[in-house]
């Protein structure tokens, strides 16, 4: 052991090939993530303003301060629903799909 570094005997070999076997699953996961990101931004904001204007102030004739409060509750519930759906989809994404009966 003289402290020198030896190169391996097969240093002239080509670099290992890039495996693209799971590229489809990565693209699929990115699409799911982008879909839920879009849903997370648009759904609560849209429900907030729509419920405030049309449901609480329009149909129920609430005051502006009351409609802010109830519309915010609707938006928070929408965030929780989107998050729960994302967790459900992410949890079941890697599960094998089987149609038969397992014994």
PDB file of N, CA and C in Angstrom:
ATOM      1  N   UNK A   1       0.834  -1.170   0.000  1.00  0.00           N
ATOM      2  CA  UNK A   1       0.000   0.000   0.000  1.00  0.00           C
ATOM      3  C   UNK A   1       0.882   1.238   0.000  1.00  0.00           C
ATOM      4  N   UNK A   2       1.153   1.721  -1.157  1.00  0.00           N
ATOM      5  CA  UNK A   2       2.031   2.874  -1.275  1.00  0.00           C
ATOM      6  C   UNK A   2       1.265   4.192  -1.389  1.00  0.00           C
ATOM      7  N   UNK A   3      -0.094   4.179  -1.316  1.00  0.00           N
ATOM      8  CA  UNK A   3      -0.878   5.401  -1.328  1.00  0.00           C
ATOM      9  C   UNK A   3      -1.256   5.879  -2.715  1.00  0.00           C
ATOM     10  N   UNK A   4      -0.883   5.143  -3.744  1.00  0.00           N
ATOM     11  CA  UNK A   4      -1.259   5.558  -5.096  1.00  0.00           C
ATOM     12  C   UNK A   4      -2.647   5.030  -5.430  1.00  0.00           C
ATOM     13  N   UNK A   5      -3.294   5.750  -6.281  1.00  0.00           N
ATOM     14  CA  UNK A   5      -4.638   5.364  -6.692  1.00  0.00           C
ATOM     15  C   UNK A   5      -4.549   4.634  -8.012  1.00  0.00           C
ATOM     16  N   UNK A   6      -5.102   3.449  -8.052  1.00  0.00           N
ATOM     17  CA  UNK A   6      -5.083   2.674  -9.279  1.00  0.00           C
ATOM     18  C   UNK A   6      -6.434   2.782  -9.974  1.00  0.00           C
ATOM     19  N   UNK A   7      -6.394   2.875 -11.266  1.00  0.00           N
ATOM     20  CA  UNK A   7      -7.634   2.879 -12.034  1.00  0.00           C
ATOM     21  C   UNK A   7      -8.076   1.447 -12.238  1.00  0.00           C
ATOM     22  N   UNK A   8      -9.366   1.269 -12.427  1.00  0.00           N
ATOM     23  CA  UNK A   8      -9.857  -0.082 -12.644  1.00  0.00           C
ATOM     24  C   UNK A   8      -9.421  -0.579 -14.007  1.00  0.00           C
ATOM     25  N   UNK A   9      -9.410  -1.885 -14.161  1.00  0.00           N
ATOM     26  CA  UNK A   9      -8.902  -2.483 -15.385  1.00  0.00           C
ATOM     27  C   UNK A   9      -9.799  -2.221 -16.590  1.00  0.00           C
ATOM     28  N   UNK A  10     -11.089  -1.928 -16.356  1.00  0.00           N
ATOM     29  CA  UNK A  10     -11.982  -1.701 -17.482  1.00  0.00           C
ATOM     30  C   UNK A  10     -12.336  -0.213 -17.614  1.00  0.00           C
ATOM     31  N   UNK A  11     -11.363   0.647 -17.418  1.00  0.00           N
ATOM     32  CA  UNK A  11     -11.613   2.083 -17.504  1.00  0.00           C
ATOM     33  C   UNK A  11     -11.884   2.547 -18.921  1.00  0.00           C
ATOM     34  N   UNK A  12     -11.535   1.734 -19.909  1.00  0.00           N
ATOM     35  CA  UNK A  12     -11.772   2.107 -21.301  1.00  0.00           C
ATOM     36  C   UNK A  12     -13.183   1.756 -21.750  1.00  0.00           C
ATOM     37  N   UNK A  13     -13.957   1.120 -20.898  1.00  0.00           N
ATOM     38  CA  UNK A  13     -15.322   0.735 -21.256  1.00  0.00           C
ATOM     39  C   UNK A  13     -16.189   1.985 -21.375  1.00  0.00           C
ATOM     40  N   UNK A  14     -17.203   1.890 -22.210  1.00  0.00           N
ATOM     41  CA  UNK A  14     -18.127   3.009 -22.418  1.00  0.00           C
ATOM     42  C   UNK A  14     -18.949   3.241 -21.156  1.00  0.00           C
ATOM     43  N   UNK A  15     -19.460   4.463 -20.979  1.00  0.00           N
ATOM     44  CA  UNK A  15     -20.303   4.728 -19.811  1.00  0.00           C
ATOM     45  C   UNK A  15     -21.576   3.892 -19.878  1.00  0.00           C
ATOM     46  N   UNK A  16     -22.165   3.616 -18.740  1.00  0.00           N
ATOM     47  CA  UNK A  16     -23.359   2.763 -18.733  1.00  0.00           C
ATOM     48  C   UNK A  16     -24.497   3.447 -19.496  1.00  0.00           C
ATOM     49  N   UNK A  17     -25.343   2.663 -20.138  1.00  0.00           N
ATOM     50  CA  UNK A  17     -26.446   3.261 -20.889  1.00  0.00           C
ATOM     51  C   UNK A  17     -27.454   3.907 -19.947  1.00  0.00           C
ATOM     52  N   UNK A  18     -28.108   4.933 -20.451  1.00  0.00           N
ATOM     53  CA  UNK A  18     -29.145   5.612 -19.670  1.00  0.00           C
ATOM     54  C   UNK A  18     -30.430   4.814 -19.817  1.00  0.00           C
ATOM     55  N   UNK A  19     -30.964   4.402 -18.701  1.00  0.00           N
ATOM     56  CA  UNK A  19     -32.188   3.611 -18.725  1.00  0.00           C
ATOM     57  C   UNK A  19     -33.384   4.535 -18.764  1.00  0.00           C
ATOM     58  N   UNK A  20     -34.200   4.383 -19.765  1.00  0.00           N
ATOM     59  CA  UNK A  20     -35.392   5.205 -19.913  1.00  0.00           C
ATOM     60  C   UNK A  20     -36.658   4.365 -19.739  1.00  0.00           C
ATOM     61  N   UNK A  21     -36.555   3.332 -18.986  1.00  0.00           N
ATOM     62  CA  UNK A  21     -37.690   2.448 -18.802  1.00  0.00           C
ATOM     63  C   UNK A  21     -38.824   3.075 -18.020  1.00  0.00           C
ATOM     64  N   UNK A  22     -38.515   3.971 -17.105  1.00  0.00           N
ATOM     65  CA  UNK A  22     -39.557   4.573 -16.291  1.00  0.00           C
ATOM     66  C   UNK A  22     -39.826   6.022 -16.691  1.00  0.00           C
ATOM     67  N   UNK A  23     -39.445   6.404 -17.901  1.00  0.00           N
ATOM     68  CA  UNK A  23     -39.684   7.771 -18.341  1.00  0.00           C
ATOM     69  C   UNK A  23     -41.177   8.051 -18.466  1.00  0.00           C
ATOM     70  N   UNK A  24     -41.940   7.083 -18.903  1.00  0.00           N
ATOM     71  CA  UNK A  24     -43.386   7.245 -19.017  1.00  0.00           C
ATOM     72  C   UNK A  24     -44.037   7.480 -17.672  1.00  0.00           C
ATOM     73  N   UNK A  25     -43.561   6.788 -16.649  1.00  0.00           N
ATOM     74  CA  UNK A  25     -44.139   6.987 -15.327  1.00  0.00           C
ATOM     75  C   UNK A  25     -43.762   8.346 -14.757  1.00  0.00           C
ATOM     76  N   UNK A  26     -42.573   8.842 -15.094  1.00  0.00           N
ATOM     77  CA  UNK A  26     -42.191  10.178 -14.638  1.00  0.00           C
ATOM     78  C   UNK A  26     -43.041  11.251 -15.305  1.00  0.00           C
ATOM     79  N   UNK A  27     -43.294  11.090 -16.590  1.00  0.00           N
ATOM     80  CA  UNK A  27     -44.147  12.046 -17.303  1.00  0.00           C
ATOM     81  C   UNK A  27     -45.562  11.992 -16.749  1.00  0.00           C
ATOM     82  N   UNK A  28     -46.029  10.800 -16.472  1.00  0.00           N
ATOM     83  CA  UNK A  28     -47.367  10.633 -15.898  1.00  0.00           C
ATOM     84  C   UNK A  28     -47.452  11.296 -14.525  1.00  0.00           C
ATOM     85  N   UNK A  29     -46.439  11.112 -13.703  1.00  0.00           N
ATOM     86  CA  UNK A  29     -46.433  11.735 -12.378  1.00  0.00           C
ATOM     87  C   UNK A  29     -46.371  13.252 -12.480  1.00  0.00           C
ATOM     88  N   UNK A  30     -45.616  13.762 -13.447  1.00  0.00           N
ATOM     89  CA  UNK A  30     -45.541  15.208 -13.640  1.00  0.00           C
ATOM     90  C   UNK A  30     -46.873  15.774 -14.099  1.00  0.00           C
ATOM     91  N   UNK A  31     -47.567  15.055 -14.978  1.00  0.00           N
ATOM     92  CA  UNK A  31     -48.888  15.506 -15.423  1.00  0.00           C
ATOM     93  C   UNK A  31     -49.878  15.554 -14.265  1.00  0.00           C
ATOM     94  N   UNK A  32     -49.835  14.531 -13.423  1.00  0.00           N
ATOM     95  CA  UNK A  32     -50.730  14.504 -12.263  1.00  0.00           C
ATOM     96  C   UNK A  32     -50.406  15.659 -11.321  1.00  0.00           C
ATOM     97  N   UNK A  33     -49.130  15.893 -11.099  1.00  0.00           N
ATOM     98  CA  UNK A  33     -48.721  16.981 -10.215  1.00  0.00           C
ATOM     99  C   UNK A  33     -49.141  18.344 -10.773  1.00  0.00           C
ATOM    100  N   UNK A  34     -48.943  18.553 -12.061  1.00  0.00           N
ATOM    101  CA  UNK A  34     -49.349  19.820 -12.669  1.00  0.00           C
ATOM    102  C   UNK A  34     -50.860  19.997 -12.659  1.00  0.00           C
ATOM    103  N   UNK A  35     -51.598  18.921 -12.882  1.00  0.00           N
ATOM    104  CA  UNK A  35     -53.058  19.003 -12.832  1.00  0.00           C
ATOM    105  C   UNK A  35     -53.539  19.422 -11.448  1.00  0.00           C
ATOM    106  N   UNK A  36     -53.008  18.786 -10.413  1.00  0.00           N
ATOM    107  CA  UNK A  36     -53.446  19.119  -9.061  1.00  0.00           C
ATOM    108  C   UNK A  36     -52.927  20.486  -8.620  1.00  0.00           C
ATOM    109  N   UNK A  37     -51.793  20.915  -9.127  1.00  0.00           N
ATOM    110  CA  UNK A  37     -51.319  22.266  -8.840  1.00  0.00           C
ATOM    111  C   UNK A  37     -52.266  23.297  -9.437  1.00  0.00           C
ATOM    112  N   UNK A  38     -52.660  23.076 -10.693  1.00  0.00           N
ATOM    113  CA  UNK A  38     -53.622  23.967 -11.336  1.00  0.00           C
ATOM    114  C   UNK A  38     -54.950  23.969 -10.578  1.00  0.00           C
ATOM    115  N   UNK A  39     -55.399  22.789 -10.179  1.00  0.00           N
ATOM    116  CA  UNK A  39     -56.645  22.673  -9.422  1.00  0.00           C
ATOM    117  C   UNK A  39     -56.546  23.365  -8.070  1.00  0.00           C
ATOM    118  N   UNK A  40     -55.385  23.256  -7.420  1.00  0.00           N
ATOM    119  CA  UNK A  40     -55.196  23.864  -6.109  1.00  0.00           C
ATOM    120  C   UNK A  40     -55.240  25.385  -6.173  1.00  0.00           C
ATOM    121  N   UNK A  41     -54.796  25.943  -7.282  1.00  0.00           N
ATOM    122  CA  UNK A  41     -54.787  27.408  -7.421  1.00  0.00           C
ATOM    123  C   UNK A  41     -56.156  27.916  -7.858  1.00  0.00           C
ATOM    124  N   UNK A  42     -56.751  27.277  -8.843  1.00  0.00           N
ATOM    125  CA  UNK A  42     -57.963  27.836  -9.441  1.00  0.00           C
ATOM    126  C   UNK A  42     -59.249  27.499  -8.687  1.00  0.00           C
ATOM    127  N   UNK A  43     -59.387  26.281  -8.200  1.00  0.00           N
ATOM    128  CA  UNK A  43     -60.650  25.871  -7.588  1.00  0.00           C
ATOM    129  C   UNK A  43     -60.998  26.657  -6.325  1.00  0.00           C
ATOM    130  N   UNK A  44     -60.116  26.774  -5.342  1.00  0.00           N
ATOM    131  CA  UNK A  44     -60.499  27.536  -4.143  1.00  0.00           C
ATOM    132  C   UNK A  44     -60.765  29.017  -4.428  1.00  0.00           C
ATOM    133  N   UNK A  45     -59.953  29.618  -5.280  1.00  0.00           N
ATOM    134  CA  UNK A  45     -60.155  31.037  -5.590  1.00  0.00           C
ATOM    135  C   UNK A  45     -61.460  31.228  -6.354  1.00  0.00           C
ATOM    136  N   UNK A  46     -61.693  30.368  -7.325  1.00  0.00           N
ATOM    137  CA  UNK A  46     -62.935  30.459  -8.086  1.00  0.00           C
ATOM    138  C   UNK A  46     -64.158  30.223  -7.225  1.00  0.00           C
ATOM    139  N   UNK A  47     -64.106  29.215  -6.372  1.00  0.00           N
ATOM    140  CA  UNK A  47     -65.235  28.953  -5.477  1.00  0.00           C
ATOM    141  C   UNK A  47     -65.440  30.075  -4.479  1.00  0.00           C
ATOM    142  N   UNK A  48     -64.358  30.684  -4.026  1.00  0.00           N
ATOM    143  CA  UNK A  48     -64.485  31.798  -3.082  1.00  0.00           C
ATOM    144  C   UNK A  48     -65.297  32.939  -3.699  1.00  0.00           C
ATOM    145  N   UNK A  49     -64.862  33.393  -4.870  1.00  0.00           N
ATOM    146  CA  UNK A  49     -65.538  34.540  -5.477  1.00  0.00           C
ATOM    147  C   UNK A  49     -66.922  34.184  -5.998  1.00  0.00           C
ATOM    148  N   UNK A  50     -67.084  32.992  -6.540  1.00  0.00           N
ATOM    149  CA  UNK A  50     -68.396  32.591  -7.047  1.00  0.00           C
ATOM    150  C   UNK A  50     -69.407  32.426  -5.919  1.00  0.00           C
ATOM    151  N   UNK A  51     -69.011  31.753  -4.847  1.00  0.00           N
ATOM    152  CA  UNK A  51     -69.948  31.565  -3.736  1.00  0.00           C
ATOM    153  C   UNK A  51     -70.252  32.874  -3.028  1.00  0.00           C
ATOM    154  N   UNK A  52     -69.263  33.745  -2.932  1.00  0.00           N
ATOM    155  CA  UNK A  52     -69.493  35.052  -2.295  1.00  0.00           C
ATOM    156  C   UNK A  52     -70.494  35.880  -3.090  1.00  0.00           C
ATOM    157  N   UNK A  53     -70.287  35.952  -4.400  1.00  0.00           N
ATOM    158  CA  UNK A  53     -71.127  36.819  -5.219  1.00  0.00           C
ATOM    159  C   UNK A  53     -72.506  36.219  -5.493  1.00  0.00           C
ATOM    160  N   UNK A  54     -72.546  34.945  -5.878  1.00  0.00           N
ATOM    161  CA  UNK A  54     -73.796  34.370  -6.343  1.00  0.00           C
ATOM    162  C   UNK A  54     -74.617  33.686  -5.262  1.00  0.00           C
ATOM    163  N   UNK A  55     -73.961  33.003  -4.341  1.00  0.00           N
ATOM    164  CA  UNK A  55     -74.714  32.256  -3.332  1.00  0.00           C
ATOM    165  C   UNK A  55     -75.012  33.126  -2.119  1.00  0.00           C
ATOM    166  N   UNK A  56     -73.968  33.644  -1.481  1.00  0.00           N
ATOM    167  CA  UNK A  56     -74.174  34.313  -0.203  1.00  0.00           C
ATOM    168  C   UNK A  56     -74.721  35.732  -0.345  1.00  0.00           C
ATOM    169  N   UNK A  57     -74.196  36.525  -1.263  1.00  0.00           N
ATOM    170  CA  UNK A  57     -74.713  37.880  -1.445  1.00  0.00           C
ATOM    171  C   UNK A  57     -75.900  37.910  -2.401  1.00  0.00           C
ATOM    172  N   UNK A  58     -75.898  37.033  -3.413  1.00  0.00           N
ATOM    173  CA  UNK A  58     -76.969  37.045  -4.399  1.00  0.00           C
ATOM    174  C   UNK A  58     -78.219  36.325  -3.928  1.00  0.00           C
ATOM    175  N   UNK A  59     -78.114  35.034  -3.689  1.00  0.00           N
ATOM    176  CA  UNK A  59     -79.289  34.230  -3.350  1.00  0.00           C
ATOM    177  C   UNK A  59     -79.699  34.378  -1.888  1.00  0.00           C
ATOM    178  N   UNK A  60     -78.733  34.466  -0.987  1.00  0.00           N
ATOM    179  CA  UNK A  60     -79.058  34.501   0.440  1.00  0.00           C
ATOM    180  C   UNK A  60     -79.133  35.924   0.996  1.00  0.00           C
ATOM    181  N   UNK A  61     -78.772  36.905   0.208  1.00  0.00           N
ATOM    182  CA  UNK A  61     -78.835  38.335   0.593  1.00  0.00           C
ATOM    183  C   UNK A  61     -78.093  38.639   1.893  1.00  0.00           C
ATOM    184  N   UNK A  62     -76.901  38.052   2.045  1.00  0.00           N
ATOM    185  CA  UNK A  62     -76.080  38.313   3.235  1.00  0.00           C
ATOM    186  C   UNK A  62     -75.310  39.613   3.057  1.00  0.00           C
ATOM    187  N   UNK A  63     -74.838  40.146   4.159  1.00  0.00           N
ATOM    188  CA  UNK A  63     -73.998  41.342   4.091  1.00  0.00           C
ATOM    189  C   UNK A  63     -72.624  40.964   3.546  1.00  0.00           C
ATOM    190  N   UNK A  64     -71.868  41.955   3.157  1.00  0.00           N
ATOM    191  CA  UNK A  64     -70.554  41.704   2.573  1.00  0.00           C
ATOM    192  C   UNK A  64     -69.605  41.066   3.582  1.00  0.00           C
ATOM    193  N   UNK A  65     -69.661  41.517   4.830  1.00  0.00           N
ATOM    194  CA  UNK A  65     -68.749  40.960   5.839  1.00  0.00           C
ATOM    195  C   UNK A  65     -69.096  39.511   6.168  1.00  0.00           C
ATOM    196  N   UNK A  66     -70.377  39.162   6.187  1.00  0.00           N
ATOM    197  CA  UNK A  66     -70.748  37.770   6.437  1.00  0.00           C
ATOM    198  C   UNK A  66     -70.397  36.878   5.259  1.00  0.00           C
ATOM    199  N   UNK A  67     -70.583  37.399   4.056  1.00  0.00           N
ATOM    200  CA  UNK A  67     -70.303  36.579   2.877  1.00  0.00           C
ATOM    201  C   UNK A  67     -68.814  36.294   2.734  1.00  0.00           C
ATOM    202  N   UNK A  68     -67.936  37.205   3.167  1.00  0.00           N
ATOM    203  CA  UNK A  68     -66.495  36.936   3.160  1.00  0.00           C
ATOM    204  C   UNK A  68     -66.172  35.718   4.010  1.00  0.00           C
ATOM    205  N   UNK A  69     -66.769  35.673   5.187  1.00  0.00           N
ATOM    206  CA  UNK A  69     -66.497  34.600   6.132  1.00  0.00           C
ATOM    207  C   UNK A  69     -66.929  33.244   5.572  1.00  0.00           C
ATOM    208  N   UNK A  70     -68.152  33.145   5.089  1.00  0.00           N
ATOM    209  CA  UNK A  70     -68.660  31.869   4.605  1.00  0.00           C
ATOM    210  C   UNK A  70     -68.004  31.445   3.292  1.00  0.00           C
ATOM    211  N   UNK A  71     -67.664  32.401   2.452  1.00  0.00           N
ATOM    212  CA  UNK A  71     -66.963  32.078   1.216  1.00  0.00           C
ATOM    213  C   UNK A  71     -65.554  31.557   1.516  1.00  0.00           C
ATOM    214  N   UNK A  72     -64.920  32.090   2.549  1.00  0.00           N
ATOM    215  CA  UNK A  72     -63.594  31.599   2.943  1.00  0.00           C
ATOM    216  C   UNK A  72     -63.685  30.161   3.450  1.00  0.00           C
ATOM    217  N   UNK A  73     -64.751  29.831   4.145  1.00  0.00           N
ATOM    218  CA  UNK A  73     -64.942  28.456   4.607  1.00  0.00           C
ATOM    219  C   UNK A  73     -65.080  27.517   3.414  1.00  0.00           C
ATOM    220  N   UNK A  74     -65.828  27.928   2.398  1.00  0.00           N
ATOM    221  CA  UNK A  74     -65.983  27.119   1.184  1.00  0.00           C
ATOM    222  C   UNK A  74     -64.622  26.913   0.511  1.00  0.00           C
ATOM    223  N   UNK A  75     -63.814  27.965   0.436  1.00  0.00           N
ATOM    224  CA  UNK A  75     -62.496  27.865  -0.203  1.00  0.00           C
ATOM    225  C   UNK A  75     -61.577  26.928   0.574  1.00  0.00           C
ATOM    226  N   UNK A  76     -61.590  26.993   1.881  1.00  0.00           N
ATOM    227  CA  UNK A  76     -60.754  26.109   2.701  1.00  0.00           C
ATOM    228  C   UNK A  76     -61.193  24.652   2.537  1.00  0.00           C
ATOM    229  N   UNK A  77     -62.497  24.424   2.480  1.00  0.00           N
ATOM    230  CA  UNK A  77     -62.980  23.063   2.245  1.00  0.00           C
ATOM    231  C   UNK A  77     -62.546  22.559   0.871  1.00  0.00           C
ATOM    232  N   UNK A  78     -62.541  23.432  -0.124  1.00  0.00           N
ATOM    233  CA  UNK A  78     -62.090  23.040  -1.462  1.00  0.00           C
ATOM    234  C   UNK A  78     -60.609  22.650  -1.455  1.00  0.00           C
ATOM    235  N   UNK A  79     -59.797  23.384  -0.705  1.00  0.00           N
ATOM    236  CA  UNK A  79     -58.368  23.045  -0.590  1.00  0.00           C
ATOM    237  C   UNK A  79     -58.205  21.656   0.014  1.00  0.00           C
ATOM    238  N   UNK A  80     -58.971  21.360   1.038  1.00  0.00           N
ATOM    239  CA  UNK A  80     -58.875  20.051   1.679  1.00  0.00           C
ATOM    240  C   UNK A  80     -59.332  18.931   0.741  1.00  0.00           C
ATOM    241  N   UNK A  81     -60.356  19.179  -0.040  1.00  0.00           N
ATOM    242  CA  UNK A  81     -60.828  18.162  -0.982  1.00  0.00           C
ATOM    243  C   UNK A  81     -59.767  17.895  -2.051  1.00  0.00           C
ATOM    244  N   UNK A  82     -59.156  18.947  -2.583  1.00  0.00           N
ATOM    245  CA  UNK A  82     -58.123  18.782  -3.604  1.00  0.00           C
ATOM    246  C   UNK A  82     -56.917  18.034  -3.021  1.00  0.00           C
ATOM    247  N   UNK A  83     -56.519  18.385  -1.814  1.00  0.00           N
ATOM    248  CA  UNK A  83     -55.398  17.681  -1.184  1.00  0.00           C
ATOM    249  C   UNK A  83     -55.720  16.208  -0.939  1.00  0.00           C
ATOM    250  N   UNK A  84     -56.924  15.922  -0.500  1.00  0.00           N
ATOM    251  CA  UNK A  84     -57.318  14.531  -0.269  1.00  0.00           C
ATOM    252  C   UNK A  84     -57.338  13.755  -1.577  1.00  0.00           C
ATOM    253  N   UNK A  85     -57.826  14.367  -2.649  1.00  0.00           N
ATOM    254  CA  UNK A  85     -57.814  13.706  -3.952  1.00  0.00           C
ATOM    255  C   UNK A  85     -56.396  13.457  -4.443  1.00  0.00           C
ATOM    256  N   UNK A  86     -55.509  14.422  -4.227  1.00  0.00           N
ATOM    257  CA  UNK A  86     -54.113  14.238  -4.632  1.00  0.00           C
ATOM    258  C   UNK A  86     -53.462  13.092  -3.871  1.00  0.00           C
ATOM    259  N   UNK A  87     -53.686  13.020  -2.587  1.00  0.00           N
ATOM    260  CA  UNK A  87     -53.113  11.932  -1.788  1.00  0.00           C
ATOM    261  C   UNK A  87     -53.674  10.592  -2.246  1.00  0.00           C
ATOM    262  N   UNK A  88     -54.965  10.548  -2.538  1.00  0.00           N
ATOM    263  CA  UNK A  88     -55.585   9.305  -3.011  1.00  0.00           C
ATOM    264  C   UNK A  88     -54.987   8.862  -4.341  1.00  0.00           C
ATOM    265  N   UNK A  89     -54.858   9.793  -5.281  1.00  0.00           N
ATOM    266  CA  UNK A  89     -54.306   9.462  -6.594  1.00  0.00           C
ATOM    267  C   UNK A  89     -52.839   9.060  -6.468  1.00  0.00           C
ATOM    268  N   UNK A  90     -52.068   9.787  -5.667  1.00  0.00           N
ATOM    269  CA  UNK A  90     -50.654   9.466  -5.491  1.00  0.00           C
ATOM    270  C   UNK A  90     -50.481   8.116  -4.806  1.00  0.00           C
ATOM    271  N   UNK A  91     -51.331   7.792  -3.877  1.00  0.00           N
ATOM    272  CA  UNK A  91     -51.241   6.521  -3.164  1.00  0.00           C
ATOM    273  C   UNK A  91     -51.528   5.348  -4.095  1.00  0.00           C
ATOM    274  N   UNK A  92     -52.513   5.512  -4.975  1.00  0.00           N
ATOM    275  CA  UNK A  92     -52.931   4.419  -5.850  1.00  0.00           C
ATOM    276  C   UNK A  92     -52.211   4.404  -7.188  1.00  0.00           C
ATOM    277  N   UNK A  93     -51.325   5.349  -7.432  1.00  0.00           N
ATOM    278  CA  UNK A  93     -50.656   5.421  -8.725  1.00  0.00           C
ATOM    279  C   UNK A  93     -49.722   4.248  -8.965  1.00  0.00           C
ATOM    280  N   UNK A  94     -49.021   3.816  -7.965  1.00  0.00           N
ATOM    281  CA  UNK A  94     -48.068   2.725  -8.137  1.00  0.00           C
ATOM    282  C   UNK A  94     -48.660   1.357  -7.908  1.00  0.00           C
ATOM    283  N   UNK A  95     -49.910   1.290  -7.492  1.00  0.00           N
ATOM    284  CA  UNK A  95     -50.533   0.001  -7.195  1.00  0.00           C
ATOM    285  C   UNK A  95     -50.827  -0.749  -8.482  1.00  0.00           C
ATOM    286  N   UNK A  96     -50.581  -2.055  -8.493  1.00  0.00           N
ATOM    287  CA  UNK A  96     -50.892  -2.830  -9.698  1.00  0.00           C
ATOM    288  C   UNK A  96     -52.402  -2.905  -9.918  1.00  0.00           C
ATOM    289  N   UNK A  97     -52.778  -2.821 -11.177  1.00  0.00           N
ATOM    290  CA  UNK A  97     -54.199  -2.883 -11.519  1.00  0.00           C
ATOM    291  C   UNK A  97     -54.540  -4.318 -11.874  1.00  0.00           C
ATOM    292  N   UNK A  98     -55.388  -4.915 -11.070  1.00  0.00           N
ATOM    293  CA  UNK A  98     -55.790  -6.286 -11.338  1.00  0.00           C
ATOM    294  C   UNK A  98     -57.306  -6.367 -11.392  1.00  0.00           C
ATOM    295  N   UNK A  99     -57.795  -7.157 -12.312  1.00  0.00           N
ATOM    296  CA  UNK A  99     -59.243  -7.304 -12.466  1.00  0.00           C
ATOM    297  C   UNK A  99     -59.725  -8.635 -11.943  1.00  0.00           C
ATOM    298  N   UNK A 100     -58.820  -9.536 -11.692  1.00  0.00           N
ATOM    299  CA  UNK A 100     -59.183 -10.878 -11.258  1.00  0.00           C
ATOM    300  C   UNK A 100     -59.304 -10.981  -9.758  1.00  0.00           C
ATOM    301  N   UNK A 101     -59.752 -12.124  -9.322  1.00  0.00           N
ATOM    302  CA  UNK A 101     -59.906 -12.392  -7.915  1.00  0.00           C
ATOM    303  C   UNK A 101     -58.625 -13.035  -7.386  1.00  0.00           C
ATOM    304  N   UNK A 102     -58.150 -12.568  -6.247  1.00  0.00           N
ATOM    305  CA  UNK A 102     -56.929 -13.132  -5.649  1.00  0.00           C
ATOM    306  C   UNK A 102     -57.317 -14.149  -4.583  1.00  0.00           C
ATOM    307  N   UNK A 103     -56.672 -15.302  -4.626  1.00  0.00           N
ATOM    308  CA  UNK A 103     -56.940 -16.324  -3.617  1.00  0.00           C
ATOM    309  C   UNK A 103     -55.854 -16.341  -2.590  1.00  0.00           C
TER     310      UNK A 103
END
